[in-house]
Amino acid sequence: MVGNMDASHESSDSGADAPAHSIQIPEGMVPVLRARAREHVRKEWIDTAWMQCDPETKAFYECSKREGLMVVFKCRGEKNVLNDCLKQFSTEENHIALKIAWARAHPEEVMGWEPRQPRL
């Protein structure tokens, strides 16, 4: 990276918790990340939700294998349990927490800050 050519950044290569990598998070604000960072954070957010819901995913998968074309009718319970699990782990608060963690680890990816707004 270009930033690492600067002498003040040479000692910060040891990890994300080094002083050069820590930034102040303004109260009530969310980082605005570059496009590639936004994509990475969004993918991590979704992947984490799916990993947390692995047992529910497997239960729905097994039901769908067993029921075939009748999956729409016979696996509603498993589908509803899976959807409830995904909703629990893919909240906006989890997404914001991942954005903030990414901003702390990669301050060069922060383009600015926007107010935290609740979703309706």
PDB file of N, CA and C in Angstrom:
ATOM      1  N   MET A   1       0.833  -1.185   0.000  1.00  0.00           N
ATOM      2  CA  MET A   1       0.000   0.000   0.000  1.00  0.00           C
ATOM      3  C   MET A   1       0.874   1.243   0.000  1.00  0.00           C
ATOM      4  N   VAL A   2       0.372   2.300  -0.557  1.00  0.00           N
ATOM      5  CA  VAL A   2       1.119   3.541  -0.644  1.00  0.00           C
ATOM      6  C   VAL A   2       1.357   4.121   0.737  1.00  0.00           C
ATOM      7  N   GLY A   3       0.368   4.002   1.639  1.00  0.00           N
ATOM      8  CA  GLY A   3       0.492   4.562   2.980  1.00  0.00           C
ATOM      9  C   GLY A   3       1.636   3.965   3.772  1.00  0.00           C
ATOM     10  N   ASN A   4       2.034   2.745   3.480  1.00  0.00           N
ATOM     11  CA  ASN A   4       3.109   2.098   4.212  1.00  0.00           C
ATOM     12  C   ASN A   4       4.483   2.602   3.814  1.00  0.00           C
ATOM     13  N   MET A   5       4.589   3.380   2.738  1.00  0.00           N
ATOM     14  CA  MET A   5       5.869   3.947   2.341  1.00  0.00           C
ATOM     15  C   MET A   5       6.282   5.083   3.264  1.00  0.00           C
ATOM     16  N   ASP A   6       5.328   5.696   3.917  1.00  0.00           N
ATOM     17  CA  ASP A   6       5.593   6.789   4.833  1.00  0.00           C
ATOM     18  C   ASP A   6       6.248   6.230   6.097  1.00  0.00           C
ATOM     19  N   ALA A   7       7.267   6.884   6.591  1.00  0.00           N
ATOM     20  CA  ALA A   7       8.014   6.401   7.756  1.00  0.00           C
ATOM     21  C   ALA A   7       7.137   6.315   8.998  1.00  0.00           C
ATOM     22  N   SER A   8       6.130   7.162   9.122  1.00  0.00           N
ATOM     23  CA  SER A   8       5.279   7.140  10.307  1.00  0.00           C
ATOM     24  C   SER A   8       4.387   5.909  10.354  1.00  0.00           C
ATOM     25  N   HIS A   9       4.230   5.207   9.239  1.00  0.00           N
ATOM     26  CA  HIS A   9       3.387   4.029   9.208  1.00  0.00           C
ATOM     27  C   HIS A   9       4.175   2.730   9.320  1.00  0.00           C
ATOM     28  N   GLU A  10       5.490   2.782   9.297  1.00  0.00           N
ATOM     29  CA  GLU A  10       6.281   1.562   9.289  1.00  0.00           C
ATOM     30  C   GLU A  10       6.063   0.721  10.530  1.00  0.00           C
ATOM     31  N   SER A  11       5.932   1.334  11.686  1.00  0.00           N
ATOM     32  CA  SER A  11       5.774   0.567  12.911  1.00  0.00           C
ATOM     33  C   SER A  11       4.346   0.083  13.107  1.00  0.00           C
ATOM     34  N   SER A  12       3.403   0.507  12.277  1.00  0.00           N
ATOM     35  CA  SER A  12       2.008   0.131  12.467  1.00  0.00           C
ATOM     36  C   SER A  12       1.636  -1.146  11.743  1.00  0.00           C
ATOM     37  N   ASP A  13       2.563  -1.808  11.087  1.00  0.00           N
ATOM     38  CA  ASP A  13       2.255  -3.010  10.334  1.00  0.00           C
ATOM     39  C   ASP A  13       2.038  -4.219  11.226  1.00  0.00           C
ATOM     40  N   SER A  14       2.204  -4.092  12.534  1.00  0.00           N
ATOM     41  CA  SER A  14       2.116  -5.243  13.419  1.00  0.00           C
ATOM     42  C   SER A  14       0.696  -5.731  13.639  1.00  0.00           C
ATOM     43  N   GLY A  15      -0.337  -4.925  13.410  1.00  0.00           N
ATOM     44  CA  GLY A  15      -1.703  -5.403  13.608  1.00  0.00           C
ATOM     45  C   GLY A  15      -2.706  -4.279  13.630  1.00  0.00           C
ATOM     46  N   ALA A  16      -3.975  -4.670  13.642  1.00  0.00           N
ATOM     47  CA  ALA A  16      -5.058  -3.691  13.577  1.00  0.00           C
ATOM     48  C   ALA A  16      -5.217  -2.914  14.878  1.00  0.00           C
ATOM     49  N   ASP A  17      -4.659  -3.411  15.985  1.00  0.00           N
ATOM     50  CA  ASP A  17      -4.835  -2.719  17.250  1.00  0.00           C
ATOM     51  C   ASP A  17      -3.699  -1.745  17.555  1.00  0.00           C
ATOM     52  N   ALA A  18      -2.798  -1.553  16.629  1.00  0.00           N
ATOM     53  CA  ALA A  18      -1.711  -0.596  16.815  1.00  0.00           C
ATOM     54  C   ALA A  18      -2.279   0.818  16.798  1.00  0.00           C
ATOM     55  N   PRO A  19      -1.640   1.776  17.494  1.00  0.00           N
ATOM     56  CA  PRO A  19      -2.169   3.133  17.581  1.00  0.00           C
ATOM     57  C   PRO A  19      -2.436   3.792  16.233  1.00  0.00           C
ATOM     58  N   ALA A  20      -1.599   3.541  15.227  1.00  0.00           N
ATOM     59  CA  ALA A  20      -1.803   4.178  13.926  1.00  0.00           C
ATOM     60  C   ALA A  20      -3.070   3.677  13.247  1.00  0.00           C
ATOM     61  N   HIS A  21      -3.562   2.496  13.657  1.00  0.00           N
ATOM     62  CA  HIS A  21      -4.755   1.935  13.038  1.00  0.00           C
ATOM     63  C   HIS A  21      -6.022   2.248  13.816  1.00  0.00           C
ATOM     64  N   SER A  22      -5.910   2.845  14.993  1.00  0.00           N
ATOM     65  CA  SER A  22      -7.117   3.123  15.755  1.00  0.00           C
ATOM     66  C   SER A  22      -7.608   4.528  15.432  1.00  0.00           C
ATOM     67  N   ILE A  23      -8.904   4.637  15.258  1.00  0.00           N
ATOM     68  CA  ILE A  23      -9.508   5.926  14.947  1.00  0.00           C
ATOM     69  C   ILE A  23     -10.612   6.190  15.952  1.00  0.00           C
ATOM     70  N   GLN A  24     -10.934   7.441  16.118  1.00  0.00           N
ATOM     71  CA  GLN A  24     -12.026   7.826  16.993  1.00  0.00           C
ATOM     72  C   GLN A  24     -13.339   7.670  16.242  1.00  0.00           C
ATOM     73  N   ILE A  25     -14.289   7.008  16.862  1.00  0.00           N
ATOM     74  CA  ILE A  25     -15.604   6.837  16.268  1.00  0.00           C
ATOM     75  C   ILE A  25     -16.507   7.928  16.840  1.00  0.00           C
ATOM     76  N   PRO A  26     -16.960   8.866  16.008  1.00  0.00           N
ATOM     77  CA  PRO A  26     -17.858   9.913  16.515  1.00  0.00           C
ATOM     78  C   PRO A  26     -19.152   9.306  17.062  1.00  0.00           C
ATOM     79  N   GLU A  27     -19.618   9.821  18.178  1.00  0.00           N
ATOM     80  CA  GLU A  27     -20.829   9.321  18.833  1.00  0.00           C
ATOM     81  C   GLU A  27     -22.034   9.411  17.897  1.00  0.00           C
ATOM     82  N   GLY A  28     -22.756   8.312  17.776  1.00  0.00           N
ATOM     83  CA  GLY A  28     -23.965   8.287  16.962  1.00  0.00           C
ATOM     84  C   GLY A  28     -23.728   8.320  15.464  1.00  0.00           C
ATOM     85  N   MET A  29     -22.484   8.068  15.049  1.00  0.00           N
ATOM     86  CA  MET A  29     -22.155   8.117  13.626  1.00  0.00           C
ATOM     87  C   MET A  29     -21.737   6.728  13.136  1.00  0.00           C
ATOM     88  N   VAL A  30     -21.894   6.535  11.836  1.00  0.00           N
ATOM     89  CA  VAL A  30     -21.529   5.283  11.175  1.00  0.00           C
ATOM     90  C   VAL A  30     -20.535   5.621  10.080  1.00  0.00           C
ATOM     91  N   PRO A  31     -19.473   4.828   9.922  1.00  0.00           N
ATOM     92  CA  PRO A  31     -18.507   5.132   8.867  1.00  0.00           C
ATOM     93  C   PRO A  31     -19.092   4.915   7.471  1.00  0.00           C
ATOM     94  N   VAL A  32     -18.715   5.804   6.568  1.00  0.00           N
ATOM     95  CA  VAL A  32     -19.026   5.631   5.151  1.00  0.00           C
ATOM     96  C   VAL A  32     -17.765   5.036   4.538  1.00  0.00           C
ATOM     97  N   LEU A  33     -17.884   3.812   4.037  1.00  0.00           N
ATOM     98  CA  LEU A  33     -16.722   3.082   3.535  1.00  0.00           C
ATOM     99  C   LEU A  33     -16.653   3.139   2.016  1.00  0.00           C
ATOM    100  N   ARG A  34     -15.452   2.919   1.507  1.00  0.00           N
ATOM    101  CA  ARG A  34     -15.270   2.811   0.054  1.00  0.00           C
ATOM    102  C   ARG A  34     -16.060   1.601  -0.456  1.00  0.00           C
ATOM    103  N   ALA A  35     -16.347   1.591  -1.744  1.00  0.00           N
ATOM    104  CA  ALA A  35     -17.219   0.564  -2.331  1.00  0.00           C
ATOM    105  C   ALA A  35     -16.735  -0.855  -2.042  1.00  0.00           C
ATOM    106  N   ARG A  36     -15.458  -1.119  -2.241  1.00  0.00           N
ATOM    107  CA  ARG A  36     -14.937  -2.474  -2.026  1.00  0.00           C
ATOM    108  C   ARG A  36     -15.063  -2.877  -0.557  1.00  0.00           C
ATOM    109  N   ALA A  37     -14.817  -1.950   0.347  1.00  0.00           N
ATOM    110  CA  ALA A  37     -14.950  -2.237   1.776  1.00  0.00           C
ATOM    111  C   ALA A  37     -16.414  -2.485   2.135  1.00  0.00           C
ATOM    112  N   ARG A  38     -17.327  -1.692   1.560  1.00  0.00           N
ATOM    113  CA  ARG A  38     -18.759  -1.904   1.802  1.00  0.00           C
ATOM    114  C   ARG A  38     -19.173  -3.305   1.358  1.00  0.00           C
ATOM    115  N   GLU A  39     -18.704  -3.720   0.189  1.00  0.00           N
ATOM    116  CA  GLU A  39     -19.030  -5.059  -0.316  1.00  0.00           C
ATOM    117  C   GLU A  39     -18.485  -6.135   0.618  1.00  0.00           C
ATOM    118  N   HIS A  40     -17.250  -5.950   1.078  1.00  0.00           N
ATOM    119  CA  HIS A  40     -16.635  -6.928   1.975  1.00  0.00           C
ATOM    120  C   HIS A  40     -17.424  -7.030   3.283  1.00  0.00           C
ATOM    121  N   VAL A  41     -17.770  -5.886   3.870  1.00  0.00           N
ATOM    122  CA  VAL A  41     -18.498  -5.871   5.138  1.00  0.00           C
ATOM    123  C   VAL A  41     -19.878  -6.502   4.958  1.00  0.00           C
ATOM    124  N   ARG A  42     -20.554  -6.169   3.868  1.00  0.00           N
ATOM    125  CA  ARG A  42     -21.884  -6.739   3.626  1.00  0.00           C
ATOM    126  C   ARG A  42     -21.805  -8.261   3.474  1.00  0.00           C
ATOM    127  N   LYS A  43     -20.808  -8.741   2.747  1.00  0.00           N
ATOM    128  CA  LYS A  43     -20.648 -10.189   2.568  1.00  0.00           C
ATOM    129  C   LYS A  43     -20.359 -10.861   3.912  1.00  0.00           C
ATOM    130  N   GLU A  44     -19.499 -10.263   4.704  1.00  0.00           N
ATOM    131  CA  GLU A  44     -19.182 -10.821   6.023  1.00  0.00           C
ATOM    132  C   GLU A  44     -20.424 -10.846   6.913  1.00  0.00           C
ATOM    133  N   TRP A  45     -21.229  -9.790   6.845  1.00  0.00           N
ATOM    134  CA  TRP A  45     -22.459  -9.684   7.628  1.00  0.00           C
ATOM    135  C   TRP A  45     -23.416 -10.823   7.270  1.00  0.00           C
ATOM    136  N   ILE A  46     -23.620 -11.045   5.983  1.00  0.00           N
ATOM    137  CA  ILE A  46     -24.530 -12.093   5.522  1.00  0.00           C
ATOM    138  C   ILE A  46     -23.960 -13.478   5.827  1.00  0.00           C
ATOM    139  N   ASP A  47     -22.673 -13.681   5.557  1.00  0.00           N
ATOM    140  CA  ASP A  47     -22.039 -14.979   5.822  1.00  0.00           C
ATOM    141  C   ASP A  47     -22.106 -15.340   7.298  1.00  0.00           C
ATOM    142  N   THR A  48     -21.915 -14.351   8.167  1.00  0.00           N
ATOM    143  CA  THR A  48     -21.977 -14.594   9.605  1.00  0.00           C
ATOM    144  C   THR A  48     -23.374 -15.048  10.010  1.00  0.00           C
ATOM    145  N   ALA A  49     -24.394 -14.404   9.471  1.00  0.00           N
ATOM    146  CA  ALA A  49     -25.773 -14.804   9.782  1.00  0.00           C
ATOM    147  C   ALA A  49     -26.028 -16.244   9.345  1.00  0.00           C
ATOM    148  N   TRP A  50     -25.594 -16.597   8.141  1.00  0.00           N
ATOM    149  CA  TRP A  50     -25.794 -17.966   7.656  1.00  0.00           C
ATOM    150  C   TRP A  50     -25.028 -18.972   8.510  1.00  0.00           C
ATOM    151  N   MET A  51     -23.814 -18.633   8.934  1.00  0.00           N
ATOM    152  CA  MET A  51     -23.041 -19.553   9.781  1.00  0.00           C
ATOM    153  C   MET A  51     -23.734 -19.757  11.127  1.00  0.00           C
ATOM    154  N   GLN A  52     -24.277 -18.672  11.692  1.00  0.00           N
ATOM    155  CA  GLN A  52     -24.974 -18.778  12.973  1.00  0.00           C
ATOM    156  C   GLN A  52     -26.229 -19.647  12.857  1.00  0.00           C
ATOM    157  N   CYS A  53     -26.813 -19.683  11.674  1.00  0.00           N
ATOM    158  CA  CYS A  53     -28.057 -20.429  11.450  1.00  0.00           C
ATOM    159  C   CYS A  53     -27.818 -21.765  10.750  1.00  0.00           C
ATOM    160  N   ASP A  54     -26.628 -22.303  10.863  1.00  0.00           N
ATOM    161  CA  ASP A  54     -26.299 -23.554  10.182  1.00  0.00           C
ATOM    162  C   ASP A  54     -27.223 -24.714  10.566  1.00  0.00           C
ATOM    163  N   PRO A  55     -27.543 -24.922  11.843  1.00  0.00           N
ATOM    164  CA  PRO A  55     -28.452 -26.037  12.178  1.00  0.00           C
ATOM    165  C   PRO A  55     -29.834 -25.877  11.531  1.00  0.00           C
ATOM    166  N   GLU A  56     -30.346 -24.654  11.509  1.00  0.00           N
ATOM    167  CA  GLU A  56     -31.650 -24.396  10.902  1.00  0.00           C
ATOM    168  C   GLU A  56     -31.595 -24.601   9.387  1.00  0.00           C
ATOM    169  N   THR A  57     -30.464 -24.203   8.777  1.00  0.00           N
ATOM    170  CA  THR A  57     -30.287 -24.400   7.340  1.00  0.00           C
ATOM    171  C   THR A  57     -30.269 -25.888   7.010  1.00  0.00           C
ATOM    172  N   LYS A  58     -29.546 -26.660   7.818  1.00  0.00           N
ATOM    173  CA  LYS A  58     -29.477 -28.107   7.589  1.00  0.00           C
ATOM    174  C   LYS A  58     -30.847 -28.764   7.755  1.00  0.00           C
ATOM    175  N   ALA A  59     -31.613 -28.313   8.753  1.00  0.00           N
ATOM    176  CA  ALA A  59     -32.952 -28.875   8.961  1.00  0.00           C
ATOM    177  C   ALA A  59     -33.848 -28.589   7.758  1.00  0.00           C
ATOM    178  N   PHE A  60     -33.788 -27.375   7.232  1.00  0.00           N
ATOM    179  CA  PHE A  60     -34.591 -27.045   6.052  1.00  0.00           C
ATOM    180  C   PHE A  60     -34.117 -27.842   4.837  1.00  0.00           C
ATOM    181  N   TYR A  61     -32.817 -27.972   4.686  1.00  0.00           N
ATOM    182  CA  TYR A  61     -32.264 -28.734   3.562  1.00  0.00           C
ATOM    183  C   TYR A  61     -32.718 -30.197   3.614  1.00  0.00           C
ATOM    184  N   GLU A  62     -32.628 -30.799   4.794  1.00  0.00           N
ATOM    185  CA  GLU A  62     -33.047 -32.201   4.947  1.00  0.00           C
ATOM    186  C   GLU A  62     -34.533 -32.356   4.642  1.00  0.00           C
ATOM    187  N   CYS A  63     -35.343 -31.427   5.101  1.00  0.00           N
ATOM    188  CA  CYS A  63     -36.774 -31.473   4.816  1.00  0.00           C
ATOM    189  C   CYS A  63     -37.020 -31.351   3.316  1.00  0.00           C
ATOM    190  N   SER A  64     -36.309 -30.440   2.664  1.00  0.00           N
ATOM    191  CA  SER A  64     -36.514 -30.247   1.222  1.00  0.00           C
ATOM    192  C   SER A  64     -36.079 -31.481   0.428  1.00  0.00           C
ATOM    193  N   LYS A  65     -35.018 -32.154   0.879  1.00  0.00           N
ATOM    194  CA  LYS A  65     -34.591 -33.395   0.216  1.00  0.00           C
ATOM    195  C   LYS A  65     -35.651 -34.481   0.376  1.00  0.00           C
ATOM    196  N   ARG A  66     -36.199 -34.556   1.561  1.00  0.00           N
ATOM    197  CA  ARG A  66     -37.178 -35.590   1.885  1.00  0.00           C
ATOM    198  C   ARG A  66     -38.514 -35.347   1.169  1.00  0.00           C
ATOM    199  N   GLU A  67     -38.927 -34.092   1.076  1.00  0.00           N
ATOM    200  CA  GLU A  67     -40.262 -33.776   0.562  1.00  0.00           C
ATOM    201  C   GLU A  67     -40.309 -33.463  -0.929  1.00  0.00           C
ATOM    202  N   GLY A  68     -39.175 -33.183  -1.539  1.00  0.00           N
ATOM    203  CA  GLY A  68     -39.149 -32.917  -2.979  1.00  0.00           C
ATOM    204  C   GLY A  68     -39.998 -31.721  -3.371  1.00  0.00           C
ATOM    205  N   LEU A  69     -40.886 -31.910  -4.344  1.00  0.00           N
ATOM    206  CA  LEU A  69     -41.711 -30.806  -4.839  1.00  0.00           C
ATOM    207  C   LEU A  69     -42.705 -30.283  -3.805  1.00  0.00           C
ATOM    208  N   MET A  70     -42.971 -31.062  -2.788  1.00  0.00           N
ATOM    209  CA  MET A  70     -43.914 -30.643  -1.746  1.00  0.00           C
ATOM    210  C   MET A  70     -43.243 -29.759  -0.692  1.00  0.00           C
ATOM    211  N   VAL A  71     -41.994 -29.390  -0.918  1.00  0.00           N
ATOM    212  CA  VAL A  71     -41.236 -28.580   0.035  1.00  0.00           C
ATOM    213  C   VAL A  71     -41.992 -27.312   0.423  1.00  0.00           C
ATOM    214  N   VAL A  72     -42.679 -26.712  -0.537  1.00  0.00           N
ATOM    215  CA  VAL A  72     -43.398 -25.457  -0.278  1.00  0.00           C
ATOM    216  C   VAL A  72     -44.437 -25.649   0.814  1.00  0.00           C
ATOM    217  N   PHE A  73     -45.075 -26.798   0.835  1.00  0.00           N
ATOM    218  CA  PHE A  73     -46.144 -27.045   1.799  1.00  0.00           C
ATOM    219  C   PHE A  73     -45.656 -27.769   3.048  1.00  0.00           C
ATOM    220  N   LYS A  74     -44.771 -28.726   2.868  1.00  0.00           N
ATOM    221  CA  LYS A  74     -44.380 -29.602   3.973  1.00  0.00           C
ATOM    222  C   LYS A  74     -43.245 -29.051   4.838  1.00  0.00           C
ATOM    223  N   CYS A  75     -42.506 -28.071   4.339  1.00  0.00           N
ATOM    224  CA  CYS A  75     -41.340 -27.563   5.086  1.00  0.00           C
ATOM    225  C   CYS A  75     -41.527 -26.119   5.548  1.00  0.00           C
ATOM    226  N   ARG A  76     -42.763 -25.682   5.662  1.00  0.00           N
ATOM    227  CA  ARG A  76     -43.017 -24.301   6.101  1.00  0.00           C
ATOM    228  C   ARG A  76     -42.444 -24.032   7.487  1.00  0.00           C
ATOM    229  N   GLY A  77     -42.596 -24.984   8.372  1.00  0.00           N
ATOM    230  CA  GLY A  77     -42.082 -24.800   9.733  1.00  0.00           C
ATOM    231  C   GLY A  77     -40.579 -24.592   9.739  1.00  0.00           C
ATOM    232  N   GLU A  78     -39.858 -25.437   9.023  1.00  0.00           N
ATOM    233  CA  GLU A  78     -38.402 -25.317   8.948  1.00  0.00           C
ATOM    234  C   GLU A  78     -37.992 -24.005   8.279  1.00  0.00           C
ATOM    235  N   LYS A  79     -38.744 -23.631   7.235  1.00  0.00           N
ATOM    236  CA  LYS A  79     -38.444 -22.368   6.536  1.00  0.00           C
ATOM    237  C   LYS A  79     -38.655 -21.177   7.469  1.00  0.00           C
ATOM    238  N   ASN A  80     -39.738 -21.203   8.234  1.00  0.00           N
ATOM    239  CA  ASN A  80     -40.014 -20.097   9.154  1.00  0.00           C
ATOM    240  C   ASN A  80     -38.964 -20.008  10.254  1.00  0.00           C
ATOM    241  N   VAL A  81     -38.534 -21.150  10.771  1.00  0.00           N
ATOM    242  CA  VAL A  81     -37.485 -21.164  11.799  1.00  0.00           C
ATOM    243  C   VAL A  81     -36.187 -20.604  11.221  1.00  0.00           C
ATOM    244  N   LEU A  82     -35.844 -21.007   9.998  1.00  0.00           N
ATOM    245  CA  LEU A  82     -34.635 -20.501   9.346  1.00  0.00           C
ATOM    246  C   LEU A  82     -34.732 -18.995   9.125  1.00  0.00           C
ATOM    247  N   ASN A  83     -35.864 -18.519   8.618  1.00  0.00           N
ATOM    248  CA  ASN A  83     -36.028 -17.078   8.393  1.00  0.00           C
ATOM    249  C   ASN A  83     -35.938 -16.287   9.693  1.00  0.00           C
ATOM    250  N   ASP A  84     -36.540 -16.805  10.769  1.00  0.00           N
ATOM    251  CA  ASP A  84     -36.459 -16.123  12.064  1.00  0.00           C
ATOM    252  C   ASP A  84     -35.018 -16.044  12.551  1.00  0.00           C
ATOM    253  N   CYS A  85     -34.276 -17.127  12.363  1.00  0.00           N
ATOM    254  CA  CYS A  85     -32.866 -17.137  12.764  1.00  0.00           C
ATOM    255  C   CYS A  85     -32.077 -16.107  11.964  1.00  0.00           C
ATOM    256  N   LEU A  86     -32.270 -16.090  10.649  1.00  0.00           N
ATOM    257  CA  LEU A  86     -31.539 -15.136   9.804  1.00  0.00           C
ATOM    258  C   LEU A  86     -31.874 -13.698  10.179  1.00  0.00           C
ATOM    259  N   LYS A  87     -33.135 -13.433  10.492  1.00  0.00           N
ATOM    260  CA  LYS A  87     -33.528 -12.080  10.917  1.00  0.00           C
ATOM    261  C   LYS A  87     -32.832 -11.696  12.221  1.00  0.00           C
ATOM    262  N   GLN A  88     -32.690 -12.668  13.111  1.00  0.00           N
ATOM    263  CA  GLN A  88     -32.052 -12.411  14.404  1.00  0.00           C
ATOM    264  C   GLN A  88     -30.587 -12.014  14.245  1.00  0.00           C
ATOM    265  N   PHE A  89     -29.880 -12.633  13.302  1.00  0.00           N
ATOM    266  CA  PHE A  89     -28.448 -12.393  13.162  1.00  0.00           C
ATOM    267  C   PHE A  89     -28.081 -11.397  12.070  1.00  0.00           C
ATOM    268  N   SER A  90     -29.023 -11.028  11.219  1.00  0.00           N
ATOM    269  CA  SER A  90     -28.704 -10.050  10.168  1.00  0.00           C
ATOM    270  C   SER A  90     -29.391  -8.719  10.454  1.00  0.00           C
ATOM    271  N   THR A  91     -29.211  -8.246  11.674  1.00  0.00           N
ATOM    272  CA  THR A  91     -29.810  -6.972  12.073  1.00  0.00           C
ATOM    273  C   THR A  91     -28.934  -5.805  11.624  1.00  0.00           C
ATOM    274  N   GLU A  92     -29.537  -4.647  11.572  1.00  0.00           N
ATOM    275  CA  GLU A  92     -28.796  -3.438  11.211  1.00  0.00           C
ATOM    276  C   GLU A  92     -27.710  -3.147  12.249  1.00  0.00           C
ATOM    277  N   GLU A  93     -27.988  -3.444  13.511  1.00  0.00           N
ATOM    278  CA  GLU A  93     -26.984  -3.226  14.559  1.00  0.00           C
ATOM    279  C   GLU A  93     -25.740  -4.082  14.316  1.00  0.00           C
ATOM    280  N   ASN A  94     -25.926  -5.325  13.893  1.00  0.00           N
ATOM    281  CA  ASN A  94     -24.774  -6.179  13.568  1.00  0.00           C
ATOM    282  C   ASN A  94     -24.006  -5.622  12.378  1.00  0.00           C
ATOM    283  N   HIS A  95     -24.733  -5.099  11.395  1.00  0.00           N
ATOM    284  CA  HIS A  95     -24.094  -4.522  10.212  1.00  0.00           C
ATOM    285  C   HIS A  95     -23.263  -3.296  10.607  1.00  0.00           C
ATOM    286  N   ILE A  96     -23.831  -2.443  11.444  1.00  0.00           N
ATOM    287  CA  ILE A  96     -23.115  -1.248  11.904  1.00  0.00           C
ATOM    288  C   ILE A  96     -21.874  -1.646  12.705  1.00  0.00           C
ATOM    289  N   ALA A  97     -22.005  -2.660  13.561  1.00  0.00           N
ATOM    290  CA  ALA A  97     -20.859  -3.114  14.356  1.00  0.00           C
ATOM    291  C   ALA A  97     -19.726  -3.600  13.451  1.00  0.00           C
ATOM    292  N   LEU A  98     -20.065  -4.310  12.377  1.00  0.00           N
ATOM    293  CA  LEU A  98     -19.036  -4.764  11.435  1.00  0.00           C
ATOM    294  C   LEU A  98     -18.404  -3.589  10.695  1.00  0.00           C
ATOM    295  N   LYS A  99     -19.206  -2.585  10.335  1.00  0.00           N
ATOM    296  CA  LYS A  99     -18.658  -1.393   9.670  1.00  0.00           C
ATOM    297  C   LYS A  99     -17.663  -0.683  10.582  1.00  0.00           C
ATOM    298  N   ILE A 100     -18.024  -0.550  11.850  1.00  0.00           N
ATOM    299  CA  ILE A 100     -17.149   0.129  12.809  1.00  0.00           C
ATOM    300  C   ILE A 100     -15.867  -0.674  13.018  1.00  0.00           C
ATOM    301  N   ALA A 101     -15.992  -1.992  13.137  1.00  0.00           N
ATOM    302  CA  ALA A 101     -14.800  -2.839  13.291  1.00  0.00           C
ATOM    303  C   ALA A 101     -13.896  -2.711  12.067  1.00  0.00           C
ATOM    304  N   TRP A 102     -14.492  -2.685  10.876  1.00  0.00           N
ATOM    305  CA  TRP A 102     -13.711  -2.536   9.641  1.00  0.00           C
ATOM    306  C   TRP A 102     -13.029  -1.167   9.626  1.00  0.00           C
ATOM    307  N   ALA A 103     -13.744  -0.126  10.025  1.00  0.00           N
ATOM    308  CA  ALA A 103     -13.174   1.227  10.040  1.00  0.00           C
ATOM    309  C   ALA A 103     -11.989   1.308  10.997  1.00  0.00           C
ATOM    310  N   ARG A 104     -12.079   0.639  12.139  1.00  0.00           N
ATOM    311  CA  ARG A 104     -10.961   0.633  13.091  1.00  0.00           C
ATOM    312  C   ARG A 104      -9.753  -0.103  12.526  1.00  0.00           C
ATOM    313  N   ALA A 105     -10.006  -1.202  11.829  1.00  0.00           N
ATOM    314  CA  ALA A 105      -8.906  -2.002  11.285  1.00  0.00           C
ATOM    315  C   ALA A 105      -8.335  -1.410  10.001  1.00  0.00           C
ATOM    316  N   HIS A 106      -9.148  -0.672   9.264  1.00  0.00           N
ATOM    317  CA  HIS A 106      -8.745  -0.127   7.959  1.00  0.00           C
ATOM    318  C   HIS A 106      -9.176   1.337   7.839  1.00  0.00           C
ATOM    319  N   PRO A 107      -8.584   2.235   8.607  1.00  0.00           N
ATOM    320  CA  PRO A 107      -9.028   3.639   8.583  1.00  0.00           C
ATOM    321  C   PRO A 107      -8.886   4.289   7.212  1.00  0.00           C
ATOM    322  N   GLU A 108      -8.012   3.776   6.374  1.00  0.00           N
ATOM    323  CA  GLU A 108      -7.842   4.347   5.038  1.00  0.00           C
ATOM    324  C   GLU A 108      -9.072   4.101   4.161  1.00  0.00           C
ATOM    325  N   GLU A 109      -9.943   3.184   4.559  1.00  0.00           N
ATOM    326  CA  GLU A 109     -11.156   2.872   3.799  1.00  0.00           C
ATOM    327  C   GLU A 109     -12.344   3.755   4.188  1.00  0.00           C
ATOM    328  N   VAL A 110     -12.176   4.585   5.215  1.00  0.00           N
ATOM    329  CA  VAL A 110     -13.266   5.448   5.675  1.00  0.00           C
ATOM    330  C   VAL A 110     -13.272   6.733   4.861  1.00  0.00           C
ATOM    331  N   MET A 111     -14.395   6.994   4.203  1.00  0.00           N
ATOM    332  CA  MET A 111     -14.523   8.205   3.388  1.00  0.00           C
ATOM    333  C   MET A 111     -15.173   9.339   4.169  1.00  0.00           C
ATOM    334  N   GLY A 112     -15.861   9.018   5.240  1.00  0.00           N
ATOM    335  CA  GLY A 112     -16.543  10.025   6.039  1.00  0.00           C
ATOM    336  C   GLY A 112     -17.446   9.347   7.057  1.00  0.00           C
ATOM    337  N   TRP A 113     -18.352  10.134   7.615  1.00  0.00           N
ATOM    338  CA  TRP A 113     -19.258   9.634   8.648  1.00  0.00           C
ATOM    339  C   TRP A 113     -20.661  10.122   8.344  1.00  0.00           C
ATOM    340  N   GLU A 114     -21.654   9.304   8.691  1.00  0.00           N
ATOM    341  CA  GLU A 114     -23.048   9.695   8.539  1.00  0.00           C
ATOM    342  C   GLU A 114     -23.782   9.358   9.827  1.00  0.00           C
ATOM    343  N   PRO A 115     -24.858  10.084  10.106  1.00  0.00           N
ATOM    344  CA  PRO A 115     -25.604   9.807  11.339  1.00  0.00           C
ATOM    345  C   PRO A 115     -26.217   8.410  11.312  1.00  0.00           C
ATOM    346  N   ARG A 116     -26.234   7.791  12.461  1.00  0.00           N
ATOM    347  CA  ARG A 116     -26.856   6.474  12.602  1.00  0.00           C
ATOM    348  C   ARG A 116     -28.363   6.676  12.584  1.00  0.00           C
ATOM    349  N   GLN A 117     -29.029   6.072  11.615  1.00  0.00           N
ATOM    350  CA  GLN A 117     -30.472   6.238  11.479  1.00  0.00           C
ATOM    351  C   GLN A 117     -31.155   4.891  11.646  1.00  0.00           C
ATOM    352  N   PRO A 118     -32.164   4.849  12.502  1.00  0.00           N
ATOM    353  CA  PRO A 118     -32.877   3.579  12.675  1.00  0.00           C
ATOM    354  C   PRO A 118     -33.681   3.240  11.425  1.00  0.00           C
ATOM    355  N   ARG A 119     -33.717   1.956  11.107  1.00  0.00           N
ATOM    356  CA  ARG A 119     -34.509   1.494   9.958  1.00  0.00           C
ATOM    357  C   ARG A 119     -35.957   1.328  10.391  1.00  0.00           C
ATOM    358  N   LEU A 120     -36.834   1.639   9.493  1.00  0.00           N
ATOM    359  CA  LEU A 120     -38.264   1.487   9.790  1.00  0.00           C
ATOM    360  C   LEU A 120     -38.760   0.121   9.403  1.00  0.00           C
TER     361      LEU A 120
END
